[in-house]
Amino acid sequence: MDRDARIEAALARRNYSSALRGRIARLLDGEEDRTRLKCCSSGCFVCAQELLDIVAEVEADDQPGRSAAG
């Protein structure tokens, strides 16, 4: 499964819009600084921690020896 499909699947599991795919891709590519994302516990529409969890999930799927099926 390609990266975009893995991002879409991770978003779907969390019931988030695929409109976030671009932001996740920018975080993965280093175009957006993920160290600046911090949960502020203010009830954001999409919590920064959720974005980081999705990034970590997609990165884990990229690891050698790991199947796309999980």
N, C-alpha and C. Protein backbone atom coordinates (compact mmCIF):
# COMPACT_ATOMS: atom_id res chain seq x y z
N MET A 1 0.86 -1.17 0.00
CA MET A 1 0.00 0.00 0.00
C MET A 1 0.90 1.24 0.00
N ASP A 2 0.59 2.21 -0.83
CA ASP A 2 1.42 3.40 -0.88
C ASP A 2 1.13 4.32 0.30
N ARG A 3 2.01 5.29 0.49
CA ARG A 3 1.92 6.16 1.66
C ARG A 3 0.61 6.92 1.73
N ASP A 4 0.15 7.46 0.61
CA ASP A 4 -1.12 8.20 0.62
C ASP A 4 -2.27 7.30 1.07
N ALA A 5 -2.26 6.06 0.63
CA ALA A 5 -3.31 5.12 1.03
C ALA A 5 -3.22 4.81 2.52
N ARG A 6 -2.00 4.70 3.04
CA ARG A 6 -1.84 4.44 4.48
C ARG A 6 -2.30 5.64 5.29
N ILE A 7 -2.02 6.85 4.79
CA ILE A 7 -2.49 8.05 5.47
C ILE A 7 -4.01 8.07 5.48
N GLU A 8 -4.62 7.82 4.32
CA GLU A 8 -6.08 7.79 4.22
C GLU A 8 -6.68 6.76 5.17
N ALA A 9 -6.07 5.59 5.26
CA ALA A 9 -6.57 4.54 6.14
C ALA A 9 -6.48 4.97 7.61
N ALA A 10 -5.37 5.59 7.99
CA ALA A 10 -5.20 6.05 9.37
C ALA A 10 -6.23 7.13 9.70
N LEU A 11 -6.49 8.03 8.76
CA LEU A 11 -7.50 9.06 8.98
C LEU A 11 -8.89 8.45 9.09
N ALA A 12 -9.18 7.49 8.23
CA ALA A 12 -10.50 6.84 8.25
C ALA A 12 -10.75 6.11 9.56
N ARG A 13 -9.71 5.45 10.09
CA ARG A 13 -9.87 4.74 11.37
C ARG A 13 -10.25 5.69 12.50
N ARG A 14 -9.86 6.95 12.36
CA ARG A 14 -10.15 7.96 13.39
C ARG A 14 -11.34 8.85 13.00
N ASN A 15 -11.96 8.53 11.89
CA ASN A 15 -13.09 9.32 11.37
C ASN A 15 -12.73 10.77 11.09
N TYR A 16 -11.51 10.98 10.57
CA TYR A 16 -11.08 12.32 10.17
C TYR A 16 -11.19 12.43 8.65
N SER A 17 -11.40 13.64 8.19
CA SER A 17 -11.52 13.92 6.77
C SER A 17 -10.20 13.69 6.05
N SER A 18 -10.31 13.26 4.81
CA SER A 18 -9.10 13.08 4.00
C SER A 18 -8.46 14.43 3.66
N ALA A 19 -9.13 15.52 4.00
CA ALA A 19 -8.55 16.85 3.80
C ALA A 19 -7.27 17.03 4.62
N LEU A 20 -7.08 16.22 5.65
CA LEU A 20 -5.88 16.29 6.48
C LEU A 20 -4.69 15.55 5.86
N ARG A 21 -4.92 14.83 4.76
CA ARG A 21 -3.85 14.04 4.15
C ARG A 21 -2.64 14.90 3.80
N GLY A 22 -2.87 16.09 3.25
CA GLY A 22 -1.77 16.97 2.89
C GLY A 22 -0.95 17.40 4.10
N ARG A 23 -1.63 17.69 5.19
CA ARG A 23 -0.90 18.10 6.39
C ARG A 23 -0.06 16.96 6.94
N ILE A 24 -0.63 15.76 6.97
CA ILE A 24 0.13 14.59 7.44
C ILE A 24 1.34 14.37 6.54
N ALA A 25 1.15 14.49 5.23
CA ALA A 25 2.27 14.32 4.29
C ALA A 25 3.35 15.37 4.53
N ARG A 26 2.95 16.62 4.79
CA ARG A 26 3.94 17.67 5.06
C ARG A 26 4.70 17.38 6.36
N LEU A 27 4.02 16.84 7.35
CA LEU A 27 4.70 16.47 8.60
C LEU A 27 5.69 15.33 8.35
N LEU A 28 5.27 14.35 7.56
CA LEU A 28 6.15 13.22 7.25
C LEU A 28 7.37 13.65 6.44
N ASP A 29 7.17 14.61 5.55
CA ASP A 29 8.26 15.07 4.68
C ASP A 29 9.15 16.11 5.33
N GLY A 30 8.79 16.55 6.53
CA GLY A 30 9.59 17.55 7.22
C GLY A 30 9.31 18.97 6.74
N GLU A 31 8.30 19.15 5.93
CA GLU A 31 7.94 20.49 5.46
C GLU A 31 7.23 21.29 6.55
N GLU A 32 6.63 20.58 7.48
CA GLU A 32 6.02 21.20 8.65
C GLU A 32 6.72 20.63 9.88
N ASP A 33 7.08 21.49 10.80
CA ASP A 33 7.86 21.09 11.97
C ASP A 33 6.97 20.42 13.02
N ARG A 34 7.11 19.10 13.14
CA ARG A 34 6.26 18.37 14.07
C ARG A 34 6.60 18.66 15.53
N THR A 35 7.80 19.18 15.80
CA THR A 35 8.15 19.49 17.19
C THR A 35 7.36 20.67 17.71
N ARG A 36 6.77 21.44 16.81
CA ARG A 36 5.94 22.58 17.23
C ARG A 36 4.53 22.17 17.61
N LEU A 37 4.14 20.94 17.28
CA LEU A 37 2.80 20.46 17.61
C LEU A 37 2.77 19.99 19.06
N LYS A 38 1.97 20.63 19.84
CA LYS A 38 1.82 20.27 21.26
C LYS A 38 0.34 20.29 21.60
N CYS A 39 -0.09 19.31 22.35
CA CYS A 39 -1.48 19.28 22.81
C CYS A 39 -1.65 20.36 23.88
N CYS A 40 -2.67 21.18 23.68
CA CYS A 40 -2.92 22.26 24.64
C CYS A 40 -4.16 21.98 25.50
N SER A 41 -4.78 20.81 25.28
CA SER A 41 -5.96 20.39 26.04
C SER A 41 -7.10 21.40 25.98
N SER A 42 -7.23 22.08 24.85
CA SER A 42 -8.30 23.07 24.73
C SER A 42 -9.45 22.59 23.85
N GLY A 43 -9.43 21.32 23.47
CA GLY A 43 -10.53 20.78 22.69
C GLY A 43 -10.48 21.15 21.22
N CYS A 44 -9.31 21.20 20.65
CA CYS A 44 -9.16 21.53 19.22
C CYS A 44 -9.96 20.54 18.37
N PHE A 45 -10.34 20.99 17.19
CA PHE A 45 -11.07 20.13 16.26
C PHE A 45 -10.27 18.86 15.97
N VAL A 46 -8.99 19.02 15.70
CA VAL A 46 -8.07 17.89 15.54
C VAL A 46 -6.89 18.16 16.46
N CYS A 47 -6.76 17.34 17.46
CA CYS A 47 -5.69 17.52 18.44
C CYS A 47 -4.32 17.28 17.80
N ALA A 48 -3.37 18.09 18.19
CA ALA A 48 -2.00 17.93 17.70
C ALA A 48 -1.47 16.54 18.01
N GLN A 49 -1.84 16.00 19.16
CA GLN A 49 -1.38 14.66 19.52
C GLN A 49 -1.95 13.61 18.57
N GLU A 50 -3.18 13.79 18.12
CA GLU A 50 -3.76 12.87 17.14
C GLU A 50 -2.99 12.93 15.82
N LEU A 51 -2.63 14.14 15.39
CA LEU A 51 -1.83 14.27 14.17
C LEU A 51 -0.51 13.53 14.32
N LEU A 52 0.14 13.71 15.46
CA LEU A 52 1.42 13.03 15.70
C LEU A 52 1.24 11.52 15.76
N ASP A 53 0.13 11.05 16.31
CA ASP A 53 -0.15 9.61 16.35
C ASP A 53 -0.31 9.05 14.94
N ILE A 54 -0.98 9.80 14.07
CA ILE A 54 -1.16 9.35 12.69
C ILE A 54 0.19 9.31 11.98
N VAL A 55 1.01 10.34 12.19
CA VAL A 55 2.35 10.38 11.59
C VAL A 55 3.15 9.16 12.06
N ALA A 56 3.11 8.86 13.34
CA ALA A 56 3.85 7.71 13.88
C ALA A 56 3.34 6.40 13.29
N GLU A 57 2.03 6.29 13.13
CA GLU A 57 1.45 5.08 12.56
C GLU A 57 1.91 4.87 11.12
N VAL A 58 1.88 5.92 10.33
CA VAL A 58 2.31 5.81 8.93
C VAL A 58 3.81 5.52 8.86
N GLU A 59 4.59 6.16 9.72
CA GLU A 59 6.04 5.89 9.74
C GLU A 59 6.31 4.45 10.15
N ALA A 60 5.56 3.92 11.09
CA ALA A 60 5.75 2.53 11.52
C ALA A 60 5.48 1.58 10.37
N ASP A 61 4.50 1.90 9.54
CA ASP A 61 4.18 1.08 8.37
C ASP A 61 5.30 1.12 7.34
N ASP A 62 6.13 2.16 7.39
CA ASP A 62 7.26 2.31 6.45
C ASP A 62 8.47 1.47 6.87
N GLN A 63 8.46 0.95 8.09
CA GLN A 63 9.62 0.23 8.60
C GLN A 63 9.84 -1.06 7.82
N PRO A 64 11.09 -1.38 7.51
CA PRO A 64 11.40 -2.63 6.78
C PRO A 64 10.93 -3.83 7.58
N GLY A 65 10.40 -4.81 6.87
CA GLY A 65 9.96 -6.04 7.51
C GLY A 65 8.55 -5.98 8.06
N ARG A 66 7.94 -4.84 7.98
CA ARG A 66 6.56 -4.71 8.45
C ARG A 66 5.63 -4.76 7.24
N SER A 67 4.62 -5.61 7.33
CA SER A 67 3.69 -5.73 6.22
C SER A 67 2.68 -4.58 6.26
N ALA A 68 2.18 -4.21 5.12
CA ALA A 68 1.19 -3.13 5.03
C ALA A 68 -0.10 -3.53 5.72
N ALA A 69 -0.36 -4.83 5.86
CA ALA A 69 -1.58 -5.28 6.52
C ALA A 69 -1.52 -5.07 8.02
N GLY A 70 -0.33 -4.82 8.56
CA GLY A 70 -0.19 -4.48 9.96
C GLY A 70 0.20 -5.62 10.79
